[in-house]
């Protein structure tokens, strides 16, 4: 793991975007999920769970590209993508770090303390290029 152990609480929060206690809670959830899901063999992980969490927090905090994060951690771009997605999905699935639903936010008695803007990259399905999708001009229509 990148050396963040020497940072005090304020520096840690500035670096990762979360307090050390929150980081430990996230790490505990991820380690439990990793232990329960790794009983069926496969290749060993290149990064530890703490490194994957730190990578995800850096991605969310600094909004660096997967290429830049991958080169910082010495892995390929696809590995960085898979690690970040796994961490995000695992934390949301646990429920401790999931946001309330739309109906909960619309209730008048709900006090909103934090507003979170999701600016992560989302895969978009683009139409396939084919000859049938384009409109061809008539030969006699152009001079």
Foldseek 3Di string as FASTA:
>chain_A
DPPPVPPDQVVVCVLQVDGPVVLVVLLVLQVVVCVVPCPPDDDDDPDDSSLLSSLLSCCVVVVDQLCVSCVVVVHHSVSNVVSNVVSVVSVCVVPPPHDDDPVQVPDPPDDDDDDDDDPDDDDDDDDDDDPVVDDDDDPVVDD
